[in-house]
C-alpha atoms as a PDB file:
ATOM      1  CA  MET A   1     200.300  53.749  85.880  1.00  0.00           C
ATOM      2  CA  SER A   2     198.137  50.689  86.279  1.00  0.00           C
ATOM      3  CA  SER A   3     199.510  47.745  88.209  1.00  0.00           C
ATOM      4  CA  VAL A   4     197.567  45.340  85.986  1.00  0.00           C
ATOM      5  CA  LYS A   5     199.745  43.503  83.508  1.00  0.00           C
ATOM      6  CA  PRO A   6     198.751  43.998  79.831  1.00  0.00           C
ATOM      7  CA  ASP A   7     198.068  40.266  79.314  1.00  0.00           C
ATOM      8  CA  HIS A   8     195.866  40.158  82.396  1.00  0.00           C
ATOM      9  CA  GLN A   9     194.142  43.366  81.305  1.00  0.00           C
ATOM     10  CA  GLU A  10     193.458  41.901  77.843  1.00  0.00           C
ATOM     11  CA  GLN A  11     192.141  38.706  79.447  1.00  0.00           C
ATOM     12  CA  GLN A  12     189.888  40.714  81.768  1.00  0.00           C
ATOM     13  CA  SER A  13     188.664  42.797  78.824  1.00  0.00           C
ATOM     14  CA  SER A  14     187.885  39.645  76.890  1.00  0.00           C
ATOM     15  CA  GLU A  15     186.061  38.169  79.885  1.00  0.00           C
ATOM     16  CA  ASP A  16     184.066  41.396  80.299  1.00  0.00           C
ATOM     17  CA  ILE A  17     183.124  41.332  76.618  1.00  0.00           C
ATOM     18  CA  ASP A  18     182.126  37.673  76.832  1.00  0.00           C
ATOM     19  CA  SER A  19     180.018  38.370  79.922  1.00  0.00           C
ATOM     20  CA  MET A  20     178.248  41.332  78.309  1.00  0.00           C
ATOM     21  CA  SER A  21     177.738  39.325  75.119  1.00  0.00           C
ATOM     22  CA  ALA A  22     176.124  36.532  77.140  1.00  0.00           C
ATOM     23  CA  SER A  23     173.835  39.094  78.798  1.00  0.00           C
ATOM     24  CA  LEU A  24     172.822  40.430  75.392  1.00  0.00           C
ATOM     25  CA  ASP A  25     172.234  36.915  74.078  1.00  0.00           C
ATOM     26  CA  SER A  26     170.018  36.195  77.069  1.00  0.00           C
ATOM     27  CA  LEU A  27     168.056  39.395  76.487  1.00  0.00           C
ATOM     28  CA  GLN A  28     167.718  38.571  72.778  1.00  0.00           C
ATOM     29  CA  THR A  29     166.280  35.187  73.775  1.00  0.00           C
ATOM     30  CA  ARG A  30     163.749  36.964  76.008  1.00  0.00           C
ATOM     31  CA  ILE A  31     162.870  39.312  73.144  1.00  0.00           C
ATOM     32  CA  ASP A  32     162.323  36.343  70.827  1.00  0.00           C
ATOM     33  CA  GLU A  33     160.174  34.552  73.423  1.00  0.00           C
ATOM     34  CA  LEU A  34     158.069  37.671  73.977  1.00  0.00           C
ATOM     35  CA  LYS A  35     157.591  38.092  70.234  1.00  0.00           C
ATOM     36  CA  VAL A  36     156.111  34.573  70.156  1.00  0.00           C
ATOM     37  CA  GLN A  37     153.784  35.554  73.001  1.00  0.00           C
ATOM     38  CA  ILE A  38     152.787  38.681  71.079  1.00  0.00           C
ATOM     39  CA  GLU A  39     151.832  36.569  68.087  1.00  0.00           C
ATOM     40  CA  LEU A  40     149.481  34.692  70.374  1.00  0.00           C
ATOM     41  CA  ALA A  41     148.196  37.849  72.055  1.00  0.00           C
ATOM     42  CA  LYS A  42     145.216  40.001  71.257  1.00  0.00           C
ATOM     43  CA  LEU A  43     145.558  42.352  68.287  1.00  0.00           C
ATOM     44  CA  ASP A  44     145.424  45.575  70.351  1.00  0.00           C
ATOM     45  CA  LEU A  45     148.126  44.301  72.666  1.00  0.00           C
ATOM     46  CA  ARG A  46     150.297  43.299  69.734  1.00  0.00           C
ATOM     47  CA  GLU A  47     151.015  46.843  68.566  1.00  0.00           C
ATOM     48  CA  ARG A  48     152.000  48.173  71.992  1.00  0.00           C
ATOM     49  CA  ALA A  49     154.202  45.221  72.835  1.00  0.00           C
ATOM     50  CA  THR A  50     155.778  45.084  69.394  1.00  0.00           C
ATOM     51  CA  THR A  51     156.795  48.728  69.694  1.00  0.00           C
ATOM     52  CA  GLN A  52     158.521  48.033  73.017  1.00  0.00           C
ATOM     53  CA  LEU A  53     160.249  44.941  71.662  1.00  0.00           C
ATOM     54  CA  ASP A  54     161.404  46.746  68.515  1.00  0.00           C
ATOM     55  CA  ILE A  55     163.028  49.355  70.745  1.00  0.00           C
ATOM     56  CA  ALA A  56     164.647  46.619  72.833  1.00  0.00           C
ATOM     57  CA  GLN A  57     165.892  44.798  69.758  1.00  0.00           C
ATOM     58  CA  ASN A  58     167.403  47.970  68.262  1.00  0.00           C
ATOM     59  CA  VAL A  59     169.204  48.733  71.521  1.00  0.00           C
ATOM     60  CA  CYS A  60     170.385  45.121  71.678  1.00  0.00           C
ATOM     61  CA  LEU A  61     171.788  45.375  68.146  1.00  0.00           C
ATOM     62  CA  ALA A  62     173.527  48.632  69.048  1.00  0.00           C
ATOM     63  CA  ALA A  63     175.048  46.999  72.125  1.00  0.00           C
ATOM     64  CA  HIS A  64     176.314  44.052  70.044  1.00  0.00           C
ATOM     65  CA  SER A  65     177.873  46.550  67.645  1.00  0.00           C
ATOM     66  CA  LYS A  66     179.600  48.334  70.525  1.00  0.00           C
ATOM     67  CA  LEU A  67     180.890  44.990  71.795  1.00  0.00           C
ATOM     68  CA  ARG A  68     182.364  44.220  68.384  1.00  0.00           C
ATOM     69  CA  ASP A  69     184.026  47.638  68.474  1.00  0.00           C
ATOM     70  CA  ALA A  70     185.306  46.918  71.985  1.00  0.00           C
ATOM     71  CA  ARG A  71     186.754  43.571  70.953  1.00  0.00           C
ATOM     72  CA  ASN A  72     188.529  45.247  68.026  1.00  0.00           C
ATOM     73  CA  ASP A  73     189.760  48.132  70.165  1.00  0.00           C
ATOM     74  CA  ALA A  74     190.120  46.486  73.565  1.00  0.00           C
ATOM     75  CA  SER A  75     193.274  48.321  74.527  1.00  0.00           C
ATOM     76  CA  ALA A  76     192.145  51.889  73.783  1.00  0.00           C
ATOM     77  CA  ASN A  77     189.054  53.357  75.409  1.00  0.00           C
ATOM     78  CA  PHE A  78     187.798  49.979  76.612  1.00  0.00           C
ATOM     79  CA  ASP A  79     186.484  51.369  79.895  1.00  0.00           C
ATOM     80  CA  VAL A  80     184.414  53.966  78.033  1.00  0.00           C
ATOM     81  CA  ILE A  81     183.038  51.378  75.622  1.00  0.00           C
ATOM     82  CA  LYS A  82     182.377  48.941  78.461  1.00  0.00           C
ATOM     83  CA  ALA A  83     180.398  51.562  80.383  1.00  0.00           C
ATOM     84  CA  ALA A  84     178.393  52.419  77.266  1.00  0.00           C
ATOM     85  CA  VAL A  85     177.585  48.760  76.590  1.00  0.00           C
ATOM     86  CA  ARG A  86     176.573  48.149  80.201  1.00  0.00           C
ATOM     87  CA  LYS A  87     174.179  51.123  79.904  1.00  0.00           C
ATOM     88  CA  LEU A  88     172.794  49.717  76.656  1.00  0.00           C
ATOM     89  CA  ILE A  89     172.275  46.347  78.355  1.00  0.00           C
ATOM     90  CA  GLU A  90     170.349  48.113  81.139  1.00  0.00           C
ATOM     91  CA  ASP A  91     168.278  49.904  78.456  1.00  0.00           C
ATOM     92  CA  VAL A  92     167.551  46.632  76.649  1.00  0.00           C
ATOM     93  CA  LYS A  93     166.485  45.000  79.916  1.00  0.00           C
ATOM     94  CA  ALA A  94     164.223  47.951  80.721  1.00  0.00           C
ATOM     95  CA  SER A  95     162.644  47.769  77.254  1.00  0.00           C
ATOM     96  CA  VAL A  96     162.142  44.008  77.525  1.00  0.00           C
ATOM     97  CA  ASP A  97     160.649  44.447  80.999  1.00  0.00           C
ATOM     98  CA  ALA A  98     158.294  47.169  79.645  1.00  0.00           C
ATOM     99  CA  ALA A  99     157.207  44.825  76.845  1.00  0.00           C
ATOM    100  CA  GLN A 100     156.675  42.026  79.370  1.00  0.00           C
ATOM    101  CA  ALA A 101     154.527  44.380  81.448  1.00  0.00           C
ATOM    102  CA  VAL A 102     152.403  45.247  78.410  1.00  0.00           C
ATOM    103  CA  ILE A 103     151.941  41.558  77.635  1.00  0.00           C
ATOM    104  CA  SER A 104     151.121  40.736  81.269  1.00  0.00           C
ATOM    105  CA  ARG A 105     148.498  43.509  81.434  1.00  0.00           C
ATOM    106  CA  GLY A 106     147.010  42.457  78.090  1.00  0.00           C
END
């Protein structure tokens, strides 16, 4: 049995969710900034970068959805949901980085 008190565990879960939500918000800001850059970019670059950013945005939306689920179900399966959201955040960051690379090469 865990030595963590339920109230502390709920607080930690809430802090984890808030932290992951802040990470997603930061990544969404990067996505939005890169979309502005794409609008200013050459036409051929636009398609490649837009594809990468669309992927990143979809993963970001999925991660936000998982976080909402985690907040609603913080006591049951939180560790599984938290691991899945952290992986989604990594995927979003990788997609945003790939889009940034396309823009930088353009």
